[in-house]
C-alpha atoms as a PDB file:
ATOM      1  CA  UNK A   1      49.584 -15.171 -50.680  1.00  0.00           C
ATOM      2  CA  UNK A   2      51.345 -16.760 -53.604  1.00  0.00           C
ATOM      3  CA  UNK A   3      49.525 -16.487 -56.878  1.00  0.00           C
ATOM      4  CA  UNK A   4      51.449 -19.070 -58.887  1.00  0.00           C
ATOM      5  CA  UNK A   5      50.020 -22.587 -58.013  1.00  0.00           C
ATOM      6  CA  UNK A   6      51.587 -25.532 -59.842  1.00  0.00           C
ATOM      7  CA  UNK A   7      49.203 -27.799 -61.838  1.00  0.00           C
ATOM      8  CA  UNK A   8      49.524 -31.509 -62.620  1.00  0.00           C
ATOM      9  CA  UNK A   9      48.090 -33.410 -65.617  1.00  0.00           C
ATOM     10  CA  UNK A  10      46.971 -37.052 -65.177  1.00  0.00           C
ATOM     11  CA  UNK A  11      47.238 -39.071 -68.360  1.00  0.00           C
ATOM     12  CA  UNK A  12      45.323 -42.405 -68.717  1.00  0.00           C
ATOM     13  CA  UNK A  13      46.979 -45.186 -70.619  1.00  0.00           C
ATOM     14  CA  UNK A  14      45.550 -45.666 -74.077  1.00  0.00           C
ATOM     15  CA  UNK A  15      43.552 -48.883 -74.703  1.00  0.00           C
ATOM     16  CA  UNK A  16      44.213 -50.407 -78.058  1.00  0.00           C
ATOM     17  CA  UNK A  17      41.227 -50.330 -80.407  1.00  0.00           C
ATOM     18  CA  UNK A  18      41.731 -53.983 -81.297  1.00  0.00           C
ATOM     19  CA  UNK A  19      41.272 -55.014 -77.644  1.00  0.00           C
ATOM     20  CA  UNK A  20      37.961 -53.139 -77.463  1.00  0.00           C
ATOM     21  CA  UNK A  21      36.696 -54.929 -80.546  1.00  0.00           C
ATOM     22  CA  UNK A  22      37.769 -58.280 -79.136  1.00  0.00           C
ATOM     23  CA  UNK A  23      35.948 -57.618 -75.843  1.00  0.00           C
ATOM     24  CA  UNK A  24      32.787 -56.616 -77.679  1.00  0.00           C
ATOM     25  CA  UNK A  25      32.936 -59.754 -79.841  1.00  0.00           C
ATOM     26  CA  UNK A  26      33.510 -61.960 -76.778  1.00  0.00           C
ATOM     27  CA  UNK A  27      30.553 -60.359 -74.978  1.00  0.00           C
ATOM     28  CA  UNK A  28      28.330 -60.906 -78.016  1.00  0.00           C
ATOM     29  CA  UNK A  29      29.440 -64.542 -78.260  1.00  0.00           C
ATOM     30  CA  UNK A  30      28.713 -65.096 -74.559  1.00  0.00           C
ATOM     31  CA  UNK A  31      25.256 -63.562 -74.921  1.00  0.00           C
ATOM     32  CA  UNK A  32      24.520 -65.629 -78.019  1.00  0.00           C
ATOM     33  CA  UNK A  33      25.719 -68.872 -76.467  1.00  0.00           C
ATOM     34  CA  UNK A  34      23.861 -68.181 -73.216  1.00  0.00           C
ATOM     35  CA  UNK A  35      20.613 -67.781 -75.105  1.00  0.00           C
ATOM     36  CA  UNK A  36      21.259 -70.667 -77.482  1.00  0.00           C
ATOM     37  CA  UNK A  37      21.556 -73.560 -75.030  1.00  0.00           C
ATOM     38  CA  UNK A  38      18.793 -74.604 -72.673  1.00  0.00           C
ATOM     39  CA  UNK A  39      18.084 -77.434 -70.229  1.00  0.00           C
ATOM     40  CA  UNK A  40      14.815 -79.393 -70.020  1.00  0.00           C
ATOM     41  CA  UNK A  41      14.089 -81.087 -66.667  1.00  0.00           C
ATOM     42  CA  UNK A  42      13.163 -84.808 -66.489  1.00  0.00           C
ATOM     43  CA  UNK A  43       9.500 -84.057 -65.731  1.00  0.00           C
ATOM     44  CA  UNK A  44       9.164 -81.422 -68.464  1.00  0.00           C
ATOM     45  CA  UNK A  45       8.996 -81.102 -72.220  1.00  0.00           C
ATOM     46  CA  UNK A  46      10.232 -78.080 -74.161  1.00  0.00           C
ATOM     47  CA  UNK A  47       8.136 -76.404 -76.859  1.00  0.00           C
ATOM     48  CA  UNK A  48      10.121 -74.335 -79.418  1.00  0.00           C
ATOM     49  CA  UNK A  49       8.555 -71.456 -81.330  1.00  0.00           C
ATOM     50  CA  UNK A  50      10.336 -69.793 -84.265  1.00  0.00           C
ATOM     51  CA  UNK A  51       9.111 -66.258 -84.755  1.00  0.00           C
ATOM     52  CA  UNK A  52       5.983 -67.267 -82.798  1.00  0.00           C
ATOM     53  CA  UNK A  53       5.249 -70.390 -84.864  1.00  0.00           C
ATOM     54  CA  UNK A  54       5.448 -73.893 -83.411  1.00  0.00           C
ATOM     55  CA  UNK A  55       8.358 -75.878 -84.832  1.00  0.00           C
ATOM     56  CA  UNK A  56       9.234 -78.776 -82.508  1.00  0.00           C
ATOM     57  CA  UNK A  57       9.259 -80.211 -79.000  1.00  0.00           C
ATOM     58  CA  UNK A  58      12.311 -81.126 -76.920  1.00  0.00           C
ATOM     59  CA  UNK A  59      12.775 -84.109 -74.640  1.00  0.00           C
ATOM     60  CA  UNK A  60      14.528 -83.785 -71.239  1.00  0.00           C
ATOM     61  CA  UNK A  61      18.202 -82.895 -71.509  1.00  0.00           C
ATOM     62  CA  UNK A  62      20.500 -80.204 -72.948  1.00  0.00           C
ATOM     63  CA  UNK A  63      19.443 -78.710 -76.316  1.00  0.00           C
ATOM     64  CA  UNK A  64      20.275 -75.893 -78.732  1.00  0.00           C
ATOM     65  CA  UNK A  65      17.985 -73.254 -80.186  1.00  0.00           C
ATOM     66  CA  UNK A  66      18.488 -70.213 -82.345  1.00  0.00           C
ATOM     67  CA  UNK A  67      19.345 -67.238 -80.119  1.00  0.00           C
ATOM     68  CA  UNK A  68      18.467 -63.560 -80.109  1.00  0.00           C
ATOM     69  CA  UNK A  69      14.721 -64.198 -79.895  1.00  0.00           C
ATOM     70  CA  UNK A  70      14.546 -66.092 -83.168  1.00  0.00           C
ATOM     71  CA  UNK A  71      13.413 -69.202 -81.303  1.00  0.00           C
ATOM     72  CA  UNK A  72      11.716 -69.101 -77.909  1.00  0.00           C
ATOM     73  CA  UNK A  73      11.283 -71.862 -75.351  1.00  0.00           C
ATOM     74  CA  UNK A  74       8.242 -72.784 -73.258  1.00  0.00           C
ATOM     75  CA  UNK A  75       8.600 -75.573 -70.697  1.00  0.00           C
ATOM     76  CA  UNK A  76       5.546 -77.727 -70.009  1.00  0.00           C
ATOM     77  CA  UNK A  77       5.484 -80.111 -66.963  1.00  0.00           C
ATOM     78  CA  UNK A  78       4.160 -83.232 -68.707  1.00  0.00           C
ATOM     79  CA  UNK A  79       5.266 -85.745 -66.040  1.00  0.00           C
ATOM     80  CA  UNK A  80       4.148 -83.721 -63.049  1.00  0.00           C
ATOM     81  CA  UNK A  81       0.720 -84.338 -61.516  1.00  0.00           C
ATOM     82  CA  UNK A  82      -1.143 -81.058 -61.332  1.00  0.00           C
ATOM     83  CA  UNK A  83      -4.318 -80.226 -59.459  1.00  0.00           C
ATOM     84  CA  UNK A  84      -7.120 -77.704 -59.400  1.00  0.00           C
ATOM     85  CA  UNK A  85      -9.076 -76.900 -56.232  1.00  0.00           C
ATOM     86  CA  UNK A  86     -12.755 -75.964 -56.271  1.00  0.00           C
ATOM     87  CA  UNK A  87     -14.720 -74.547 -53.362  1.00  0.00           C
ATOM     88  CA  UNK A  88     -11.596 -73.763 -51.324  1.00  0.00           C
ATOM     89  CA  UNK A  89      -7.974 -72.702 -51.725  1.00  0.00           C
ATOM     90  CA  UNK A  90      -4.838 -74.054 -50.048  1.00  0.00           C
ATOM     91  CA  UNK A  91      -2.867 -71.201 -48.514  1.00  0.00           C
ATOM     92  CA  UNK A  92      -0.127 -73.326 -46.914  1.00  0.00           C
ATOM     93  CA  UNK A  93       0.681 -76.934 -47.814  1.00  0.00           C
ATOM     94  CA  UNK A  94       2.566 -79.221 -45.472  1.00  0.00           C
ATOM     95  CA  UNK A  95       2.073 -81.360 -42.419  1.00  0.00           C
ATOM     96  CA  UNK A  96      -0.487 -78.880 -41.115  1.00  0.00           C
ATOM     97  CA  UNK A  97      -2.069 -77.464 -44.254  1.00  0.00           C
ATOM     98  CA  UNK A  98      -4.109 -74.295 -44.104  1.00  0.00           C
ATOM     99  CA  UNK A  99      -7.152 -73.549 -46.236  1.00  0.00           C
ATOM    100  CA  UNK A 100      -9.366 -70.600 -46.924  1.00  0.00           C
ATOM    101  CA  UNK A 101     -12.617 -70.056 -48.771  1.00  0.00           C
ATOM    102  CA  UNK A 102     -12.528 -66.794 -50.758  1.00  0.00           C
ATOM    103  CA  UNK A 103     -15.667 -65.329 -52.247  1.00  0.00           C
ATOM    104  CA  UNK A 104     -15.195 -66.801 -55.729  1.00  0.00           C
ATOM    105  CA  UNK A 105     -14.532 -70.267 -54.271  1.00  0.00           C
ATOM    106  CA  UNK A 106     -17.652 -70.042 -52.100  1.00  0.00           C
ATOM    107  CA  UNK A 107     -19.761 -69.230 -55.162  1.00  0.00           C
ATOM    108  CA  UNK A 108     -18.489 -72.162 -57.197  1.00  0.00           C
ATOM    109  CA  UNK A 109     -19.145 -74.581 -54.295  1.00  0.00           C
ATOM    110  CA  UNK A 110     -22.902 -73.855 -53.990  1.00  0.00           C
ATOM    111  CA  UNK A 111     -24.876 -76.381 -56.061  1.00  0.00           C
ATOM    112  CA  UNK A 112     -28.462 -77.565 -56.499  1.00  0.00           C
ATOM    113  CA  UNK A 113     -29.251 -81.289 -56.237  1.00  0.00           C
ATOM    114  CA  UNK A 114     -31.773 -83.296 -58.199  1.00  0.00           C
ATOM    115  CA  UNK A 115     -34.354 -83.087 -55.390  1.00  0.00           C
ATOM    116  CA  UNK A 116     -33.999 -79.282 -55.206  1.00  0.00           C
ATOM    117  CA  UNK A 117     -31.733 -79.141 -52.149  1.00  0.00           C
ATOM    118  CA  UNK A 118     -28.654 -76.947 -51.801  1.00  0.00           C
ATOM    119  CA  UNK A 119     -25.272 -78.478 -50.939  1.00  0.00           C
ATOM    120  CA  UNK A 120     -21.749 -77.121 -50.558  1.00  0.00           C
ATOM    121  CA  UNK A 121     -19.380 -79.232 -52.697  1.00  0.00           C
ATOM    122  CA  UNK A 122     -15.594 -78.970 -52.429  1.00  0.00           C
ATOM    123  CA  UNK A 123     -13.587 -81.078 -54.848  1.00  0.00           C
ATOM    124  CA  UNK A 124     -10.113 -81.579 -56.296  1.00  0.00           C
ATOM    125  CA  UNK A 125      -9.159 -82.560 -59.854  1.00  0.00           C
ATOM    126  CA  UNK A 126      -5.770 -84.182 -60.417  1.00  0.00           C
ATOM    127  CA  UNK A 127      -4.505 -84.196 -64.006  1.00  0.00           C
ATOM    128  CA  UNK A 128      -1.470 -84.342 -66.277  1.00  0.00           C
ATOM    129  CA  UNK A 129      -0.607 -82.572 -69.513  1.00  0.00           C
ATOM    130  CA  UNK A 130      -0.347 -85.299 -72.145  1.00  0.00           C
ATOM    131  CA  UNK A 131       0.026 -83.122 -75.253  1.00  0.00           C
ATOM    132  CA  UNK A 132       2.012 -79.857 -74.827  1.00  0.00           C
ATOM    133  CA  UNK A 133       1.107 -78.559 -78.286  1.00  0.00           C
ATOM    134  CA  UNK A 134      -2.660 -78.888 -77.716  1.00  0.00           C
ATOM    135  CA  UNK A 135      -2.343 -77.531 -74.180  1.00  0.00           C
ATOM    136  CA  UNK A 136      -0.581 -74.357 -75.383  1.00  0.00           C
ATOM    137  CA  UNK A 137      -2.124 -73.620 -78.766  1.00  0.00           C
ATOM    138  CA  UNK A 138      -5.454 -75.430 -79.323  1.00  0.00           C
ATOM    139  CA  UNK A 139      -7.426 -73.211 -76.952  1.00  0.00           C
ATOM    140  CA  UNK A 140      -6.973 -69.761 -75.468  1.00  0.00           C
ATOM    141  CA  UNK A 141      -6.507 -69.702 -71.654  1.00  0.00           C
ATOM    142  CA  UNK A 142      -6.558 -73.477 -71.297  1.00  0.00           C
ATOM    143  CA  UNK A 143      -6.422 -73.579 -67.506  1.00  0.00           C
ATOM    144  CA  UNK A 144      -9.427 -71.299 -67.056  1.00  0.00           C
ATOM    145  CA  UNK A 145     -11.313 -73.277 -69.682  1.00  0.00           C
ATOM    146  CA  UNK A 146     -10.463 -76.451 -67.822  1.00  0.00           C
ATOM    147  CA  UNK A 147     -11.825 -74.934 -64.606  1.00  0.00           C
ATOM    148  CA  UNK A 148     -15.041 -73.914 -66.364  1.00  0.00           C
ATOM    149  CA  UNK A 149     -15.457 -77.445 -67.756  1.00  0.00           C
ATOM    150  CA  UNK A 150     -14.914 -78.888 -64.285  1.00  0.00           C
ATOM    151  CA  UNK A 151     -17.557 -76.689 -62.723  1.00  0.00           C
ATOM    152  CA  UNK A 152     -20.074 -77.426 -65.465  1.00  0.00           C
ATOM    153  CA  UNK A 153     -19.560 -81.191 -65.271  1.00  0.00           C
ATOM    154  CA  UNK A 154     -19.752 -81.413 -61.478  1.00  0.00           C
ATOM    155  CA  UNK A 155     -22.855 -79.218 -61.388  1.00  0.00           C
ATOM    156  CA  UNK A 156     -24.582 -81.454 -63.919  1.00  0.00           C
ATOM    157  CA  UNK A 157     -23.693 -84.664 -62.084  1.00  0.00           C
ATOM    158  CA  UNK A 158     -24.760 -83.214 -58.721  1.00  0.00           C
ATOM    159  CA  UNK A 159     -28.019 -82.044 -60.285  1.00  0.00           C
ATOM    160  CA  UNK A 160     -28.799 -85.609 -61.419  1.00  0.00           C
ATOM    161  CA  UNK A 161     -28.642 -87.088 -57.894  1.00  0.00           C
ATOM    162  CA  UNK A 162     -30.532 -86.726 -54.628  1.00  0.00           C
ATOM    163  CA  UNK A 163     -28.962 -84.963 -51.679  1.00  0.00           C
ATOM    164  CA  UNK A 164     -28.966 -88.074 -49.447  1.00  0.00           C
ATOM    165  CA  UNK A 165     -27.018 -90.059 -52.031  1.00  0.00           C
ATOM    166  CA  UNK A 166     -24.547 -87.220 -52.625  1.00  0.00           C
ATOM    167  CA  UNK A 167     -23.758 -86.811 -48.928  1.00  0.00           C
ATOM    168  CA  UNK A 168     -23.655 -90.507 -47.989  1.00  0.00           C
ATOM    169  CA  UNK A 169     -23.204 -93.535 -50.229  1.00  0.00           C
ATOM    170  CA  UNK A 170     -23.023 -92.054 -53.742  1.00  0.00           C
ATOM    171  CA  UNK A 171     -19.886 -89.925 -53.524  1.00  0.00           C
ATOM    172  CA  UNK A 172     -17.515 -92.463 -55.104  1.00  0.00           C
ATOM    173  CA  UNK A 173     -19.885 -93.174 -57.990  1.00  0.00           C
ATOM    174  CA  UNK A 174     -20.499 -89.454 -58.588  1.00  0.00           C
ATOM    175  CA  UNK A 175     -16.754 -88.737 -58.611  1.00  0.00           C
ATOM    176  CA  UNK A 176     -16.139 -91.553 -61.115  1.00  0.00           C
ATOM    177  CA  UNK A 177     -18.963 -90.324 -63.350  1.00  0.00           C
ATOM    178  CA  UNK A 178     -17.627 -86.757 -63.245  1.00  0.00           C
ATOM    179  CA  UNK A 179     -14.102 -87.956 -64.138  1.00  0.00           C
ATOM    180  CA  UNK A 180     -15.366 -89.913 -67.143  1.00  0.00           C
ATOM    181  CA  UNK A 181     -17.445 -87.036 -68.498  1.00  0.00           C
ATOM    182  CA  UNK A 182     -14.664 -84.514 -67.837  1.00  0.00           C
ATOM    183  CA  UNK A 183     -12.188 -86.605 -69.839  1.00  0.00           C
ATOM    184  CA  UNK A 184     -14.648 -86.837 -72.742  1.00  0.00           C
ATOM    185  CA  UNK A 185     -14.956 -83.032 -72.872  1.00  0.00           C
ATOM    186  CA  UNK A 186     -11.170 -82.590 -72.660  1.00  0.00           C
ATOM    187  CA  UNK A 187     -10.740 -84.922 -75.622  1.00  0.00           C
ATOM    188  CA  UNK A 188     -13.541 -83.192 -77.512  1.00  0.00           C
ATOM    189  CA  UNK A 189     -12.026 -79.712 -77.032  1.00  0.00           C
ATOM    190  CA  UNK A 190      -8.475 -81.038 -77.646  1.00  0.00           C
ATOM    191  CA  UNK A 191      -6.882 -79.273 -74.698  1.00  0.00           C
ATOM    192  CA  UNK A 192      -4.240 -81.983 -74.191  1.00  0.00           C
ATOM    193  CA  UNK A 193      -5.133 -82.895 -70.579  1.00  0.00           C
ATOM    194  CA  UNK A 194      -5.384 -86.367 -69.083  1.00  0.00           C
ATOM    195  CA  UNK A 195      -7.707 -86.420 -66.044  1.00  0.00           C
ATOM    196  CA  UNK A 196      -6.328 -88.768 -63.386  1.00  0.00           C
ATOM    197  CA  UNK A 197      -8.825 -88.401 -60.559  1.00  0.00           C
ATOM    198  CA  UNK A 198     -11.787 -86.390 -59.317  1.00  0.00           C
ATOM    199  CA  UNK A 199     -12.042 -86.308 -55.521  1.00  0.00           C
ATOM    200  CA  UNK A 200     -15.086 -84.975 -53.692  1.00  0.00           C
ATOM    201  CA  UNK A 201     -13.192 -83.468 -50.788  1.00  0.00           C
ATOM    202  CA  UNK A 202     -16.186 -82.432 -48.719  1.00  0.00           C
ATOM    203  CA  UNK A 203     -19.941 -82.373 -49.315  1.00  0.00           C
ATOM    204  CA  UNK A 204     -22.107 -80.657 -46.715  1.00  0.00           C
ATOM    205  CA  UNK A 205     -25.426 -78.888 -46.512  1.00  0.00           C
ATOM    206  CA  UNK A 206     -25.428 -75.140 -45.798  1.00  0.00           C
ATOM    207  CA  UNK A 207     -24.801 -74.163 -42.184  1.00  0.00           C
ATOM    208  CA  UNK A 208     -28.380 -73.023 -41.693  1.00  0.00           C
ATOM    209  CA  UNK A 209     -29.824 -76.500 -42.307  1.00  0.00           C
ATOM    210  CA  UNK A 210     -26.890 -78.615 -41.153  1.00  0.00           C
ATOM    211  CA  UNK A 211     -28.525 -79.703 -37.823  1.00  0.00           C
ATOM    212  CA  UNK A 212     -31.589 -80.983 -39.680  1.00  0.00           C
ATOM    213  CA  UNK A 213     -29.394 -82.862 -42.141  1.00  0.00           C
ATOM    214  CA  UNK A 214     -27.474 -84.420 -39.289  1.00  0.00           C
ATOM    215  CA  UNK A 215     -30.732 -85.644 -37.753  1.00  0.00           C
ATOM    216  CA  UNK A 216     -31.780 -87.104 -41.096  1.00  0.00           C
ATOM    217  CA  UNK A 217     -28.414 -88.832 -41.514  1.00  0.00           C
ATOM    218  CA  UNK A 218     -28.651 -90.327 -38.031  1.00  0.00           C
ATOM    219  CA  UNK A 219     -32.123 -91.622 -38.856  1.00  0.00           C
ATOM    220  CA  UNK A 220     -30.857 -93.124 -42.112  1.00  0.00           C
ATOM    221  CA  UNK A 221     -27.965 -94.779 -40.328  1.00  0.00           C
ATOM    222  CA  UNK A 222     -30.343 -96.200 -37.717  1.00  0.00           C
ATOM    223  CA  UNK A 223     -32.555 -97.464 -40.522  1.00  0.00           C
ATOM    224  CA  UNK A 224     -29.597 -99.131 -42.236  1.00  0.00           C
ATOM    225  CA  UNK A 225     -28.506-100.678 -38.928  1.00  0.00           C
ATOM    226  CA  UNK A 226     -31.940-102.162 -38.277  1.00  0.00           C
ATOM    227  CA  UNK A 227     -32.137-103.482 -41.832  1.00  0.00           C
ATOM    228  CA  UNK A 228     -28.725-105.098 -41.455  1.00  0.00           C
ATOM    229  CA  UNK A 229     -29.746-106.620 -38.118  1.00  0.00           C
ATOM    230  CA  UNK A 230     -32.910-107.994 -39.698  1.00  0.00           C
ATOM    231  CA  UNK A 231     -30.971-109.490 -42.583  1.00  0.00           C
ATOM    232  CA  UNK A 232     -28.496-111.024 -40.148  1.00  0.00           C
ATOM    233  CA  UNK A 233     -31.316-112.665 -38.209  1.00  0.00           C
ATOM    234  CA  UNK A 234     -32.940-113.746 -41.457  1.00  0.00           C
ATOM    235  CA  UNK A 235     -29.695-115.304 -42.678  1.00  0.00           C
ATOM    236  CA  UNK A 236     -29.387-117.123 -39.368  1.00  0.00           C
ATOM    237  CA  UNK A 237     -32.937-118.442 -38.990  1.00  0.00           C
ATOM    238  CA  UNK A 238     -33.886-119.244 -42.578  1.00  0.00           C
ATOM    239  CA  UNK A 239     -30.947-121.600 -43.272  1.00  0.00           C
ATOM    240  CA  UNK A 240     -31.558-123.271 -39.891  1.00  0.00           C
ATOM    241  CA  UNK A 241     -35.249-123.818 -40.704  1.00  0.00           C
ATOM    242  CA  UNK A 242     -34.370-125.036 -44.195  1.00  0.00           C
ATOM    243  CA  UNK A 243     -31.864-127.474 -42.700  1.00  0.00           C
ATOM    244  CA  UNK A 244     -34.399-128.806 -40.204  1.00  0.00           C
ATOM    245  CA  UNK A 245     -37.009-129.174 -42.939  1.00  0.00           C
ATOM    246  CA  UNK A 246     -34.507-130.966 -45.161  1.00  0.00           C
ATOM    247  CA  UNK A 247     -33.562-133.243 -42.262  1.00  0.00           C
ATOM    248  CA  UNK A 248     -37.231-134.096 -41.582  1.00  0.00           C
ATOM    249  CA  UNK A 249     -37.817-134.811 -45.261  1.00  0.00           C
ATOM    250  CA  UNK A 250     -34.757-137.071 -45.456  1.00  0.00           C
ATOM    251  CA  UNK A 251     -35.824-138.882 -42.249  1.00  0.00           C
ATOM    252  CA  UNK A 252     -39.323-139.450 -43.643  1.00  0.00           C
ATOM    253  CA  UNK A 253     -37.903-140.693 -46.911  1.00  0.00           C
ATOM    254  CA  UNK A 254     -35.585-143.061 -45.007  1.00  0.00           C
ATOM    255  CA  UNK A 255     -38.457-144.320 -42.869  1.00  0.00           C
ATOM    256  CA  UNK A 256     -40.618-144.884 -45.952  1.00  0.00           C
ATOM    257  CA  UNK A 257     -37.787-146.738 -47.687  1.00  0.00           C
ATOM    258  CA  UNK A 258     -37.233-148.873 -44.592  1.00  0.00           C
ATOM    259  CA  UNK A 259     -40.926-149.787 -44.292  1.00  0.00           C
ATOM    260  CA  UNK A 260     -41.158-150.638 -47.974  1.00  0.00           C
ATOM    261  CA  UNK A 261     -38.037-152.791 -47.812  1.00  0.00           C
ATOM    262  CA  UNK A 262     -39.292-154.559 -44.678  1.00  0.00           C
ATOM    263  CA  UNK A 263     -42.662-155.199 -46.268  1.00  0.00           C
ATOM    264  CA  UNK A 264     -41.039-156.506 -49.419  1.00  0.00           C
ATOM    265  CA  UNK A 265     -38.751-158.711 -47.301  1.00  0.00           C
ATOM    266  CA  UNK A 266     -41.665-160.086 -45.252  1.00  0.00           C
ATOM    267  CA  UNK A 267     -43.646-160.789 -48.396  1.00  0.00           C
ATOM    268  CA  UNK A 268     -40.670-162.485 -50.018  1.00  0.00           C
ATOM    269  CA  UNK A 269     -40.007-164.553 -46.873  1.00  0.00           C
ATOM    270  CA  UNK A 270     -43.695-165.572 -46.640  1.00  0.00           C
ATOM    271  CA  UNK A 271     -43.662-166.598 -50.284  1.00  0.00           C
ATOM    272  CA  UNK A 272     -40.555-168.721 -49.755  1.00  0.00           C
ATOM    273  CA  UNK A 273     -42.063-170.335 -46.620  1.00  0.00           C
ATOM    274  CA  UNK A 274     -45.260-171.040 -48.456  1.00  0.00           C
ATOM    275  CA  UNK A 275     -43.371-172.727 -51.263  1.00  0.00           C
ATOM    276  CA  UNK A 276     -41.542-174.920 -48.742  1.00  0.00           C
ATOM    277  CA  UNK A 277     -44.803-175.607 -46.938  1.00  0.00           C
ATOM    278  CA  UNK A 278     -46.382-176.857 -50.162  1.00  0.00           C
ATOM    279  CA  UNK A 279     -43.515-179.252 -50.617  1.00  0.00           C
ATOM    280  CA  UNK A 280     -43.637-180.690 -47.024  1.00  0.00           C
ATOM    281  CA  UNK A 281     -46.489-179.354 -44.879  1.00  0.00           C
ATOM    282  CA  UNK A 282     -45.760-181.419 -41.733  1.00  0.00           C
ATOM    283  CA  UNK A 283     -42.057-180.666 -41.653  1.00  0.00           C
ATOM    284  CA  UNK A 284     -42.650-177.001 -42.334  1.00  0.00           C
ATOM    285  CA  UNK A 285     -45.267-176.678 -39.564  1.00  0.00           C
ATOM    286  CA  UNK A 286     -42.960-178.397 -37.114  1.00  0.00           C
ATOM    287  CA  UNK A 287     -40.027-176.165 -38.071  1.00  0.00           C
ATOM    288  CA  UNK A 288     -42.120-173.037 -37.706  1.00  0.00           C
ATOM    289  CA  UNK A 289     -43.376-174.279 -34.342  1.00  0.00           C
ATOM    290  CA  UNK A 290     -39.880-174.960 -33.097  1.00  0.00           C
ATOM    291  CA  UNK A 291     -38.563-171.608 -34.313  1.00  0.00           C
ATOM    292  CA  UNK A 292     -41.445-169.797 -32.626  1.00  0.00           C
ATOM    293  CA  UNK A 293     -40.979-171.727 -29.348  1.00  0.00           C
ATOM    294  CA  UNK A 294     -37.246-170.963 -29.473  1.00  0.00           C
ATOM    295  CA  UNK A 295     -37.900-167.276 -29.934  1.00  0.00           C
ATOM    296  CA  UNK A 296     -40.500-167.131 -27.157  1.00  0.00           C
ATOM    297  CA  UNK A 297     -38.620-169.262 -24.638  1.00  0.00           C
ATOM    298  CA  UNK A 298     -35.466-167.164 -25.020  1.00  0.00           C
ATOM    299  CA  UNK A 299     -37.363-164.222 -23.585  1.00  0.00           C
ATOM    300  CA  UNK A 300     -38.588-166.041 -20.429  1.00  0.00           C
ATOM    301  CA  UNK A 301     -36.292-165.808 -17.373  1.00  0.00           C
ATOM    302  CA  UNK A 302     -37.626-168.828 -15.421  1.00  0.00           C
ATOM    303  CA  UNK A 303     -38.735-171.996 -17.127  1.00  0.00           C
ATOM    304  CA  UNK A 304     -40.509-175.067 -15.640  1.00  0.00           C
ATOM    305  CA  UNK A 305     -40.524-178.123 -17.833  1.00  0.00           C
ATOM    306  CA  UNK A 306     -42.917-180.997 -16.837  1.00  0.00           C
ATOM    307  CA  UNK A 307     -45.040-183.562 -18.482  1.00  0.00           C
ATOM    308  CA  UNK A 308     -48.798-183.742 -18.553  1.00  0.00           C
ATOM    309  CA  UNK A 309     -48.960-186.160 -15.556  1.00  0.00           C
ATOM    310  CA  UNK A 310     -47.370-183.743 -13.101  1.00  0.00           C
ATOM    311  CA  UNK A 311     -49.582-182.563 -10.192  1.00  0.00           C
ATOM    312  CA  UNK A 312     -49.057-179.793  -7.643  1.00  0.00           C
ATOM    313  CA  UNK A 313     -47.543-177.035  -9.756  1.00  0.00           C
ATOM    314  CA  UNK A 314     -48.134-174.241  -7.255  1.00  0.00           C
ATOM    315  CA  UNK A 315     -45.387-175.204  -4.765  1.00  0.00           C
ATOM    316  CA  UNK A 316     -42.865-174.727  -7.498  1.00  0.00           C
ATOM    317  CA  UNK A 317     -43.931-171.152  -8.138  1.00  0.00           C
ATOM    318  CA  UNK A 318     -42.568-168.321  -5.962  1.00  0.00           C
ATOM    319  CA  UNK A 319     -45.696-166.246  -5.692  1.00  0.00           C
ATOM    320  CA  UNK A 320     -44.359-163.920  -2.876  1.00  0.00           C
ATOM    321  CA  UNK A 321     -40.882-162.844  -3.879  1.00  0.00           C
ATOM    322  CA  UNK A 322     -38.984-160.619  -1.428  1.00  0.00           C
ATOM    323  CA  UNK A 323     -38.900-157.035  -2.417  1.00  0.00           C
ATOM    324  CA  UNK A 324     -35.321-155.759  -2.415  1.00  0.00           C
ATOM    325  CA  UNK A 325     -34.924-152.344  -0.936  1.00  0.00           C
END
């Protein structure tokens, strides 16, 4: 075998040192510029910290900050409506949402009412961040603190009301009261949150006593129905009776007024006749006689006029008239 094997040497082209420096400078510039510009979305606000200290906030749009970690950015969704769920958790949102009740959610949903009954309360709090600075820096772990405030407020409001009112007609009032008190505590602790709405999603008794509660609710509904029926009948009969009574009173008053006016008219007419009678007694008596005869004769169907010498009046009278069938 041959012992002399030829060898080949591969030589790489030399890169100029100036080109390496230029590439390094360009890379540094790209890194600096990439970290210096940032974009804030329309529903957000940017909070800038310089060496960990708050310096300013940024409105939506493109902005510049000092790179290389000198200034850091935190985006806060100030225009977005956020929510916290209590007593349950949403695992899948959409047209057919899915929910679950983990152990911690089940514990926070069990509450004691004012009449010493136990209810399971599930509620939602919708809120917005109105002050990014207070939300980030005024309190440590703001979201957990907000959850603790929610639970404390709802427990207090539930504890001030009876179970029947909580489950039936008082839910809207209780939710409004909880919202008002929750906002007061948020303002007091300066956590920068604006509470929009508190919704009692579901309020039920524990499963062990749910059948008894359902029976009680049905009885209460039947009671309310009977009361409403009674009020409807009352509103129908009482105005009718009042109208009839008013009509009878007005008729009596009209009758009394008529009788008084007639009596006053008769008295006035008698007085006038008497005055005329005093002036001419004979003429007045004759006129009264003629007026009376005229009134009486107008009511008689058959009239027989004769003088005092007439005899045999009976033949003129039809004493047996034919009865028409």
